[in-house]
Amino acid sequence: MTKLFVGGLRPDVSEMDLAMLIGLYCTIETIKVVRDRATHKCKGYAFVEMLKVEDAQKVISNLNGETFKGNVLNIKISEEEPPKKPGFQKFAAKRTSK
């Protein structure tokens, strides 16, 4: 499964809007429009998953930089979450015998 980041979305965009646009280039498995919890408006980006990386590349080549509902789209393959950096480690002080 390949996940695309789709940025540059208007606050009023819906999952159906994205499905109609991106569905022209691939078969969509899932769409997740990221929304503000209080207003339920789109925060400006979404994630779209498809089975084949070739389909994701087709979407990118056809839609990245294009205008959708007045905004320029920024589409790229979503990076997996980076591994978490290790936190501070507590070191035990060496005890010296007197």
PDB file of N, CA and C in Angstrom:
ATOM      1  N   MET A   1       0.845  -1.175   0.000  1.00  0.00           N
ATOM      2  CA  MET A   1       0.000   0.000   0.000  1.00  0.00           C
ATOM      3  C   MET A   1       0.891   1.239   0.000  1.00  0.00           C
ATOM      4  N   THR A   2       0.518   2.226  -0.804  1.00  0.00           N
ATOM      5  CA  THR A   2       1.270   3.475  -0.903  1.00  0.00           C
ATOM      6  C   THR A   2       0.386   4.612  -0.434  1.00  0.00           C
ATOM      7  N   LYS A   3       0.958   5.484   0.401  1.00  0.00           N
ATOM      8  CA  LYS A   3       0.203   6.608   0.951  1.00  0.00           C
ATOM      9  C   LYS A   3       0.736   7.908   0.367  1.00  0.00           C
ATOM     10  N   LEU A   4      -0.196   8.746  -0.117  1.00  0.00           N
ATOM     11  CA  LEU A   4       0.156  10.061  -0.624  1.00  0.00           C
ATOM     12  C   LEU A   4      -0.250  11.130   0.370  1.00  0.00           C
ATOM     13  N   PHE A   5       0.595  12.140   0.500  1.00  0.00           N
ATOM     14  CA  PHE A   5       0.259  13.362   1.218  1.00  0.00           C
ATOM     15  C   PHE A   5      -0.277  14.323   0.170  1.00  0.00           C
ATOM     16  N   VAL A   6      -1.449  14.900   0.419  1.00  0.00           N
ATOM     17  CA  VAL A   6      -2.043  15.871  -0.487  1.00  0.00           C
ATOM     18  C   VAL A   6      -2.216  17.172   0.292  1.00  0.00           C
ATOM     19  N   GLY A   7      -1.407  18.170  -0.027  1.00  0.00           N
ATOM     20  CA  GLY A   7      -1.456  19.451   0.662  1.00  0.00           C
ATOM     21  C   GLY A   7      -1.997  20.545  -0.234  1.00  0.00           C
ATOM     22  N   GLY A   8      -2.307  21.686   0.378  1.00  0.00           N
ATOM     23  CA  GLY A   8      -2.829  22.825  -0.361  1.00  0.00           C
ATOM     24  C   GLY A   8      -4.330  22.781  -0.540  1.00  0.00           C
ATOM     25  N   LEU A   9      -5.008  22.084   0.358  1.00  0.00           N
ATOM     26  CA  LEU A   9      -6.463  21.941   0.233  1.00  0.00           C
ATOM     27  C   LEU A   9      -7.199  23.081   0.923  1.00  0.00           C
ATOM     28  N   ARG A  10      -8.342  23.409   0.387  1.00  0.00           N
ATOM     29  CA  ARG A  10      -9.199  24.435   0.983  1.00  0.00           C
ATOM     30  C   ARG A  10      -9.885  23.885   2.231  1.00  0.00           C
ATOM     31  N   PRO A  11     -10.310  24.763   3.137  1.00  0.00           N
ATOM     32  CA  PRO A  11     -10.977  24.310   4.360  1.00  0.00           C
ATOM     33  C   PRO A  11     -12.295  23.575   4.111  1.00  0.00           C
ATOM     34  N   ASP A  12     -12.933  23.829   2.972  1.00  0.00           N
ATOM     35  CA  ASP A  12     -14.239  23.219   2.703  1.00  0.00           C
ATOM     36  C   ASP A  12     -14.164  21.956   1.839  1.00  0.00           C
ATOM     37  N   VAL A  13     -12.962  21.424   1.605  1.00  0.00           N
ATOM     38  CA  VAL A  13     -12.827  20.244   0.758  1.00  0.00           C
ATOM     39  C   VAL A  13     -13.426  19.021   1.461  1.00  0.00           C
ATOM     40  N   SER A  14     -13.995  18.124   0.669  1.00  0.00           N
ATOM     41  CA  SER A  14     -14.582  16.895   1.222  1.00  0.00           C
ATOM     42  C   SER A  14     -13.847  15.679   0.660  1.00  0.00           C
ATOM     43  N   GLU A  15     -14.093  14.548   1.293  1.00  0.00           N
ATOM     44  CA  GLU A  15     -13.514  13.297   0.821  1.00  0.00           C
ATOM     45  C   GLU A  15     -13.995  13.005  -0.599  1.00  0.00           C
ATOM     46  N   MET A  16     -15.254  13.324  -0.883  1.00  0.00           N
ATOM     47  CA  MET A  16     -15.818  13.074  -2.207  1.00  0.00           C
ATOM     48  C   MET A  16     -15.127  13.942  -3.262  1.00  0.00           C
ATOM     49  N   ASP A  17     -14.798  15.196  -2.910  1.00  0.00           N
ATOM     50  CA  ASP A  17     -14.064  16.060  -3.839  1.00  0.00           C
ATOM     51  C   ASP A  17     -12.751  15.406  -4.247  1.00  0.00           C
ATOM     52  N   LEU A  18     -12.013  14.923  -3.240  1.00  0.00           N
ATOM     53  CA  LEU A  18     -10.720  14.281  -3.521  1.00  0.00           C
ATOM     54  C   LEU A  18     -10.893  12.978  -4.293  1.00  0.00           C
ATOM     55  N   ALA A  19     -11.910  12.208  -3.947  1.00  0.00           N
ATOM     56  CA  ALA A  19     -12.147  10.935  -4.632  1.00  0.00           C
ATOM     57  C   ALA A  19     -12.433  11.175  -6.114  1.00  0.00           C
ATOM     58  N   MET A  20     -13.207  12.209  -6.422  1.00  0.00           N
ATOM     59  CA  MET A  20     -13.539  12.500  -7.814  1.00  0.00           C
ATOM     60  C   MET A  20     -12.300  12.972  -8.584  1.00  0.00           C
ATOM     61  N   LEU A  21     -11.417  13.702  -7.931  1.00  0.00           N
ATOM     62  CA  LEU A  21     -10.212  14.196  -8.587  1.00  0.00           C
ATOM     63  C   LEU A  21      -9.162  13.100  -8.749  1.00  0.00           C
ATOM     64  N   ILE A  22      -8.788  12.480  -7.651  1.00  0.00           N
ATOM     65  CA  ILE A  22      -7.702  11.497  -7.671  1.00  0.00           C
ATOM     66  C   ILE A  22      -8.148  10.187  -8.306  1.00  0.00           C
ATOM     67  N   GLY A  23      -9.422   9.867  -8.181  1.00  0.00           N
ATOM     68  CA  GLY A  23      -9.955   8.640  -8.760  1.00  0.00           C
ATOM     69  C   GLY A  23      -9.848   8.581 -10.270  1.00  0.00           C
ATOM     70  N   LEU A  24      -9.587   9.699 -10.919  1.00  0.00           N
ATOM     71  CA  LEU A  24      -9.382   9.706 -12.365  1.00  0.00           C
ATOM     72  C   LEU A  24      -8.081   8.997 -12.747  1.00  0.00           C
ATOM     73  N   TYR A  25      -7.153   8.880 -11.785  1.00  0.00           N
ATOM     74  CA  TYR A  25      -5.820   8.364 -12.077  1.00  0.00           C
ATOM     75  C   TYR A  25      -5.500   7.040 -11.401  1.00  0.00           C
ATOM     76  N   CYS A  26      -6.323   6.608 -10.453  1.00  0.00           N
ATOM     77  CA  CYS A  26      -6.023   5.355  -9.749  1.00  0.00           C
ATOM     78  C   CYS A  26      -7.255   4.868  -9.005  1.00  0.00           C
ATOM     79  N   THR A  27      -7.129   3.672  -8.487  1.00  0.00           N
ATOM     80  CA  THR A  27      -8.150   3.128  -7.594  1.00  0.00           C
ATOM     81  C   THR A  27      -7.748   3.470  -6.171  1.00  0.00           C
ATOM     82  N   ILE A  28      -8.622   4.154  -5.473  1.00  0.00           N
ATOM     83  CA  ILE A  28      -8.332   4.636  -4.124  1.00  0.00           C
ATOM     84  C   ILE A  28      -8.755   3.584  -3.110  1.00  0.00           C
ATOM     85  N   GLU A  29      -7.891   3.333  -2.139  1.00  0.00           N
ATOM     86  CA  GLU A  29      -8.231   2.424  -1.041  1.00  0.00           C
ATOM     87  C   GLU A  29      -8.828   3.201   0.132  1.00  0.00           C
ATOM     88  N   THR A  30      -8.161   4.272   0.562  1.00  0.00           N
ATOM     89  CA  THR A  30      -8.672   5.085   1.671  1.00  0.00           C
ATOM     90  C   THR A  30      -8.353   6.552   1.433  1.00  0.00           C
ATOM     91  N   ILE A  31      -9.199   7.415   1.993  1.00  0.00           N
ATOM     92  CA  ILE A  31      -8.968   8.860   1.987  1.00  0.00           C
ATOM     93  C   ILE A  31      -9.194   9.347   3.403  1.00  0.00           C
ATOM     94  N   LYS A  32      -8.245  10.139   3.906  1.00  0.00           N
ATOM     95  CA  LYS A  32      -8.381  10.735   5.237  1.00  0.00           C
ATOM     96  C   LYS A  32      -8.090  12.225   5.125  1.00  0.00           C
ATOM     97  N   VAL A  33      -9.152  13.040   5.156  1.00  0.00           N
ATOM     98  CA  VAL A  33      -8.982  14.486   5.188  1.00  0.00           C
ATOM     99  C   VAL A  33      -8.758  14.854   6.653  1.00  0.00           C
ATOM    100  N   VAL A  34      -7.663  15.544   6.930  1.00  0.00           N
ATOM    101  CA  VAL A  34      -7.342  15.920   8.302  1.00  0.00           C
ATOM    102  C   VAL A  34      -8.119  17.192   8.631  1.00  0.00           C
ATOM    103  N   ARG A  35      -8.924  17.105   9.709  1.00  0.00           N
ATOM    104  CA  ARG A  35      -9.832  18.194  10.062  1.00  0.00           C
ATOM    105  C   ARG A  35      -9.552  18.739  11.456  1.00  0.00           C
ATOM    106  N   ASP A  36      -9.898  19.997  11.635  1.00  0.00           N
ATOM    107  CA  ASP A  36      -9.831  20.641  12.942  1.00  0.00           C
ATOM    108  C   ASP A  36     -10.930  20.040  13.812  1.00  0.00           C
ATOM    109  N   ARG A  37     -10.610  19.694  15.028  1.00  0.00           N
ATOM    110  CA  ARG A  37     -11.591  19.050  15.910  1.00  0.00           C
ATOM    111  C   ARG A  37     -12.764  19.959  16.247  1.00  0.00           C
ATOM    112  N   ALA A  38     -12.497  21.245  16.422  1.00  0.00           N
ATOM    113  CA  ALA A  38     -13.554  22.172  16.832  1.00  0.00           C
ATOM    114  C   ALA A  38     -14.452  22.580  15.663  1.00  0.00           C
ATOM    115  N   THR A  39     -13.854  22.909  14.522  1.00  0.00           N
ATOM    116  CA  THR A  39     -14.640  23.439  13.404  1.00  0.00           C
ATOM    117  C   THR A  39     -14.985  22.389  12.355  1.00  0.00           C
ATOM    118  N   HIS A  40     -14.306  21.274  12.364  1.00  0.00           N
ATOM    119  CA  HIS A  40     -14.468  20.193  11.385  1.00  0.00           C
ATOM    120  C   HIS A  40     -14.088  20.624   9.970  1.00  0.00           C
ATOM    121  N   LYS A  41     -13.347  21.729   9.853  1.00  0.00           N
ATOM    122  CA  LYS A  41     -12.863  22.173   8.552  1.00  0.00           C
ATOM    123  C   LYS A  41     -11.524  21.509   8.277  1.00  0.00           C
ATOM    124  N   CYS A  42     -11.256  21.295   6.999  1.00  0.00           N
ATOM    125  CA  CYS A  42      -9.990  20.696   6.590  1.00  0.00           C
ATOM    126  C   CYS A  42      -8.829  21.586   7.027  1.00  0.00           C
ATOM    127  N   LYS A  43      -7.791  20.961   7.561  1.00  0.00           N
ATOM    128  CA  LYS A  43      -6.601  21.701   7.992  1.00  0.00           C
ATOM    129  C   LYS A  43      -5.663  22.007   6.826  1.00  0.00           C
ATOM    130  N   GLY A  44      -6.061  21.641   5.624  1.00  0.00           N
ATOM    131  CA  GLY A  44      -5.253  21.954   4.449  1.00  0.00           C
ATOM    132  C   GLY A  44      -4.541  20.761   3.844  1.00  0.00           C
ATOM    133  N   TYR A  45      -4.734  19.589   4.439  1.00  0.00           N
ATOM    134  CA  TYR A  45      -4.071  18.412   3.876  1.00  0.00           C
ATOM    135  C   TYR A  45      -4.871  17.146   4.133  1.00  0.00           C
ATOM    136  N   ALA A  46      -4.516  16.110   3.363  1.00  0.00           N
ATOM    137  CA  ALA A  46      -5.188  14.816   3.468  1.00  0.00           C
ATOM    138  C   ALA A  46      -4.183  13.731   3.110  1.00  0.00           C
ATOM    139  N   PHE A  47      -4.570  12.492   3.390  1.00  0.00           N
ATOM    140  CA  PHE A  47      -3.777  11.330   3.010  1.00  0.00           C
ATOM    141  C   PHE A  47      -4.655  10.411   2.180  1.00  0.00           C
ATOM    142  N   VAL A  48      -4.088   9.918   1.080  1.00  0.00           N
ATOM    143  CA  VAL A  48      -4.813   9.023   0.184  1.00  0.00           C
ATOM    144  C   VAL A  48      -3.960   7.775  -0.007  1.00  0.00           C
ATOM    145  N   GLU A  49      -4.571   6.608   0.160  1.00  0.00           N
ATOM    146  CA  GLU A  49      -3.837   5.347  -0.003  1.00  0.00           C
ATOM    147  C   GLU A  49      -4.330   4.609  -1.242  1.00  0.00           C
ATOM    148  N   MET A  50      -3.369   3.996  -1.931  1.00  0.00           N
ATOM    149  CA  MET A  50      -3.660   3.156  -3.084  1.00  0.00           C
ATOM    150  C   MET A  50      -2.746   1.945  -3.041  1.00  0.00           C
ATOM    151  N   LEU A  51      -3.094   0.924  -3.795  1.00  0.00           N
ATOM    152  CA  LEU A  51      -2.327  -0.317  -3.729  1.00  0.00           C
ATOM    153  C   LEU A  51      -0.959  -0.226  -4.395  1.00  0.00           C
ATOM    154  N   LYS A  52      -0.879   0.418  -5.551  1.00  0.00           N
ATOM    155  CA  LYS A  52       0.351   0.376  -6.340  1.00  0.00           C
ATOM    156  C   LYS A  52       1.115   1.689  -6.277  1.00  0.00           C
ATOM    157  N   VAL A  53       2.424   1.596  -6.159  1.00  0.00           N
ATOM    158  CA  VAL A  53       3.276   2.783  -6.171  1.00  0.00           C
ATOM    159  C   VAL A  53       3.224   3.451  -7.551  1.00  0.00           C
ATOM    160  N   GLU A  54       2.998   2.667  -8.598  1.00  0.00           N
ATOM    161  CA  GLU A  54       2.890   3.230  -9.946  1.00  0.00           C
ATOM    162  C   GLU A  54       1.681   4.164 -10.046  1.00  0.00           C
ATOM    163  N   ASP A  55       0.582   3.796  -9.376  1.00  0.00           N
ATOM    164  CA  ASP A  55      -0.594   4.656  -9.369  1.00  0.00           C
ATOM    165  C   ASP A  55      -0.317   5.953  -8.621  1.00  0.00           C
ATOM    166  N   ALA A  56       0.418   5.846  -7.531  1.00  0.00           N
ATOM    167  CA  ALA A  56       0.770   7.038  -6.755  1.00  0.00           C
ATOM    168  C   ALA A  56       1.624   7.972  -7.605  1.00  0.00           C
ATOM    169  N   GLN A  57       2.559   7.416  -8.333  1.00  0.00           N
ATOM    170  CA  GLN A  57       3.419   8.239  -9.190  1.00  0.00           C
ATOM    171  C   GLN A  57       2.614   8.892 -10.318  1.00  0.00           C
ATOM    172  N   LYS A  58       1.601   8.179 -10.815  1.00  0.00           N
ATOM    173  CA  LYS A  58       0.746   8.745 -11.851  1.00  0.00           C
ATOM    174  C   LYS A  58      -0.043   9.935 -11.311  1.00  0.00           C
ATOM    175  N   VAL A  59      -0.551   9.808 -10.087  1.00  0.00           N
ATOM    176  CA  VAL A  59      -1.281  10.910  -9.454  1.00  0.00           C
ATOM    177  C   VAL A  59      -0.354  12.109  -9.276  1.00  0.00           C
ATOM    178  N   ILE A  60       0.851  11.866  -8.779  1.00  0.00           N
ATOM    179  CA  ILE A  60       1.810  12.946  -8.560  1.00  0.00           C
ATOM    180  C   ILE A  60       2.130  13.657  -9.874  1.00  0.00           C
ATOM    181  N   SER A  61       2.441  12.891 -10.912  1.00  0.00           N
ATOM    182  CA  SER A  61       2.841  13.506 -12.177  1.00  0.00           C
ATOM    183  C   SER A  61       1.702  14.290 -12.824  1.00  0.00           C
ATOM    184  N   ASN A  62       0.458  13.892 -12.572  1.00  0.00           N
ATOM    185  CA  ASN A  62      -0.676  14.583 -13.182  1.00  0.00           C
ATOM    186  C   ASN A  62      -1.240  15.723 -12.348  1.00  0.00           C
ATOM    187  N   LEU A  63      -1.124  15.648 -11.016  1.00  0.00           N
ATOM    188  CA  LEU A  63      -1.810  16.628 -10.177  1.00  0.00           C
ATOM    189  C   LEU A  63      -0.915  17.527  -9.336  1.00  0.00           C
ATOM    190  N   ASN A  64       0.324  17.129  -9.073  1.00  0.00           N
ATOM    191  CA  ASN A  64       1.191  17.966  -8.245  1.00  0.00           C
ATOM    192  C   ASN A  64       1.433  19.302  -8.935  1.00  0.00           C
ATOM    193  N   GLY A  65       1.171  20.400  -8.220  1.00  0.00           N
ATOM    194  CA  GLY A  65       1.359  21.731  -8.779  1.00  0.00           C
ATOM    195  C   GLY A  65       0.152  22.257  -9.535  1.00  0.00           C
ATOM    196  N   GLU A  66      -0.870  21.426  -9.706  1.00  0.00           N
ATOM    197  CA  GLU A  66      -2.092  21.853 -10.391  1.00  0.00           C
ATOM    198  C   GLU A  66      -3.005  22.595  -9.419  1.00  0.00           C
ATOM    199  N   THR A  67      -3.912  23.388  -9.955  1.00  0.00           N
ATOM    200  CA  THR A  67      -4.858  24.139  -9.145  1.00  0.00           C
ATOM    201  C   THR A  67      -6.132  23.320  -8.960  1.00  0.00           C
ATOM    202  N   PHE A  68      -6.594  23.244  -7.716  1.00  0.00           N
ATOM    203  CA  PHE A  68      -7.830  22.541  -7.382  1.00  0.00           C
ATOM    204  C   PHE A  68      -8.639  23.441  -6.462  1.00  0.00           C
ATOM    205  N   LYS A  69      -9.806  23.856  -6.929  1.00  0.00           N
ATOM    206  CA  LYS A  69     -10.688  24.750  -6.166  1.00  0.00           C
ATOM    207  C   LYS A  69      -9.958  26.032  -5.751  1.00  0.00           C
ATOM    208  N   GLY A  70      -9.089  26.526  -6.620  1.00  0.00           N
ATOM    209  CA  GLY A  70      -8.400  27.781  -6.372  1.00  0.00           C
ATOM    210  C   GLY A  70      -7.085  27.678  -5.625  1.00  0.00           C
ATOM    211  N   ASN A  71      -6.707  26.494  -5.165  1.00  0.00           N
ATOM    212  CA  ASN A  71      -5.447  26.306  -4.434  1.00  0.00           C
ATOM    213  C   ASN A  71      -4.515  25.393  -5.227  1.00  0.00           C
ATOM    214  N   VAL A  72      -3.224  25.632  -5.089  1.00  0.00           N
ATOM    215  CA  VAL A  72      -2.223  24.796  -5.765  1.00  0.00           C
ATOM    216  C   VAL A  72      -1.948  23.572  -4.896  1.00  0.00           C
ATOM    217  N   LEU A  73      -2.047  22.397  -5.508  1.00  0.00           N
ATOM    218  CA  LEU A  73      -1.838  21.144  -4.787  1.00  0.00           C
ATOM    219  C   LEU A  73      -0.363  20.810  -4.647  1.00  0.00           C
ATOM    220  N   ASN A  74      -0.021  20.252  -3.495  1.00  0.00           N
ATOM    221  CA  ASN A  74       1.311  19.730  -3.225  1.00  0.00           C
ATOM    222  C   ASN A  74       1.120  18.252  -2.895  1.00  0.00           C
ATOM    223  N   ILE A  75       1.514  17.384  -3.816  1.00  0.00           N
ATOM    224  CA  ILE A  75       1.284  15.950  -3.637  1.00  0.00           C
ATOM    225  C   ILE A  75       2.616  15.224  -3.676  1.00  0.00           C
ATOM    226  N   LYS A  76       2.828  14.376  -2.671  1.00  0.00           N
ATOM    227  CA  LYS A  76       4.056  13.580  -2.623  1.00  0.00           C
ATOM    228  C   LYS A  76       3.782  12.285  -1.867  1.00  0.00           C
ATOM    229  N   ILE A  77       4.666  11.334  -2.057  1.00  0.00           N
ATOM    230  CA  ILE A  77       4.542  10.076  -1.320  1.00  0.00           C
ATOM    231  C   ILE A  77       4.839  10.371   0.137  1.00  0.00           C
ATOM    232  N   SER A  78       3.950   9.934   0.998  1.00  0.00           N
ATOM    233  CA  SER A  78       4.075  10.205   2.429  1.00  0.00           C
ATOM    234  C   SER A  78       5.192   9.377   3.018  1.00  0.00           C
ATOM    235  N   GLU A  79       6.044  10.039   3.759  1.00  0.00           N
ATOM    236  CA  GLU A  79       7.125   9.345   4.456  1.00  0.00           C
ATOM    237  C   GLU A  79       6.517   8.653   5.670  1.00  0.00           C
ATOM    238  N   GLU A  80       7.038   7.507   5.965  1.00  0.00           N
ATOM    239  CA  GLU A  80       6.617   6.842   7.191  1.00  0.00           C
ATOM    240  C   GLU A  80       7.082   7.686   8.359  1.00  0.00           C
ATOM    241  N   GLU A  81       6.420   7.536   9.476  1.00  0.00           N
ATOM    242  CA  GLU A  81       6.823   8.298  10.647  1.00  0.00           C
ATOM    243  C   GLU A  81       8.259   7.965  11.002  1.00  0.00           C
ATOM    244  N   PRO A  82       9.069   9.007  11.197  1.00  0.00           N
ATOM    245  CA  PRO A  82      10.456   8.725  11.543  1.00  0.00           C
ATOM    246  C   PRO A  82      10.540   8.030  12.898  1.00  0.00           C
ATOM    247  N   PRO A  83      11.542   7.208  13.080  1.00  0.00           N
ATOM    248  CA  PRO A  83      11.680   6.554  14.385  1.00  0.00           C
ATOM    249  C   PRO A  83      11.877   7.610  15.466  1.00  0.00           C
ATOM    250  N   LYS A  84      11.307   7.348  16.598  1.00  0.00           N
ATOM    251  CA  LYS A  84      11.415   8.307  17.694  1.00  0.00           C
ATOM    252  C   LYS A  84      12.839   8.342  18.203  1.00  0.00           C
ATOM    253  N   LYS A  85      13.286   9.560  18.487  1.00  0.00           N
ATOM    254  CA  LYS A  85      14.629   9.714  19.030  1.00  0.00           C
ATOM    255  C   LYS A  85      14.636   9.233  20.469  1.00  0.00           C
ATOM    256  N   PRO A  86      15.697   8.578  20.855  1.00  0.00           N
ATOM    257  CA  PRO A  86      15.737   8.124  22.237  1.00  0.00           C
ATOM    258  C   PRO A  86      15.723   9.330  23.176  1.00  0.00           C
ATOM    259  N   GLY A  87      15.041   9.180  24.271  1.00  0.00           N
ATOM    260  CA  GLY A  87      14.971  10.263  25.251  1.00  0.00           C
ATOM    261  C   GLY A  87      16.247  10.320  26.071  1.00  0.00           C
ATOM    262  N   PHE A  88      16.233  11.193  27.018  1.00  0.00           N
ATOM    263  CA  PHE A  88      17.397  11.294  27.892  1.00  0.00           C
ATOM    264  C   PHE A  88      17.498  10.001  28.692  1.00  0.00           C
ATOM    265  N   GLN A  89      18.698   9.511  28.770  1.00  0.00           N
ATOM    266  CA  GLN A  89      18.909   8.307  29.547  1.00  0.00           C
ATOM    267  C   GLN A  89      19.478   8.711  30.892  1.00  0.00           C
ATOM    268  N   LYS A  90      18.982   8.063  31.881  1.00  0.00           N
ATOM    269  CA  LYS A  90      19.502   8.342  33.215  1.00  0.00           C
ATOM    270  C   LYS A  90      20.704   7.440  33.447  1.00  0.00           C
ATOM    271  N   PHE A  91      21.768   8.057  33.848  1.00  0.00           N
ATOM    272  CA  PHE A  91      22.966   7.295  34.143  1.00  0.00           C
ATOM    273  C   PHE A  91      23.156   7.286  35.641  1.00  0.00           C
ATOM    274  N   ALA A  92      23.444   6.133  36.147  1.00  0.00           N
ATOM    275  CA  ALA A  92      23.706   6.037  37.591  1.00  0.00           C
ATOM    276  C   ALA A  92      25.114   6.545  37.849  1.00  0.00           C
ATOM    277  N   ALA A  93      25.230   7.349  38.851  1.00  0.00           N
ATOM    278  CA  ALA A  93      26.559   7.862  39.203  1.00  0.00           C
ATOM    279  C   ALA A  93      27.382   6.725  39.784  1.00  0.00           C
ATOM    280  N   LYS A  94      28.633   6.719  39.428  1.00  0.00           N
ATOM    281  CA  LYS A  94      29.506   5.678  39.965  1.00  0.00           C
ATOM    282  C   LYS A  94      29.734   5.970  41.433  1.00  0.00           C
ATOM    283  N   ARG A  95      29.628   4.942  42.192  1.00  0.00           N
ATOM    284  CA  ARG A  95      29.889   5.086  43.626  1.00  0.00           C
ATOM    285  C   ARG A  95      31.360   4.808  43.867  1.00  0.00           C
ATOM    286  N   THR A  96      31.939   5.656  44.588  1.00  0.00           N
ATOM    287  CA  THR A  96      33.334   5.426  44.941  1.00  0.00           C
ATOM    288  C   THR A  96      33.408   5.041  46.402  1.00  0.00           C
ATOM    289  N   SER A  97      34.195   4.074  46.684  1.00  0.00           N
ATOM    290  CA  SER A  97      34.321   3.664  48.097  1.00  0.00           C
ATOM    291  C   SER A  97      35.391   4.507  48.752  1.00  0.00           C
ATOM    292  N   LYS A  98      35.161   4.858  49.988  1.00  0.00           N
ATOM    293  CA  LYS A  98      36.111   5.681  50.734  1.00  0.00           C
ATOM    294  C   LYS A  98      36.851   4.888  51.742  1.00  0.00           C
TER     295      LYS A  98
END
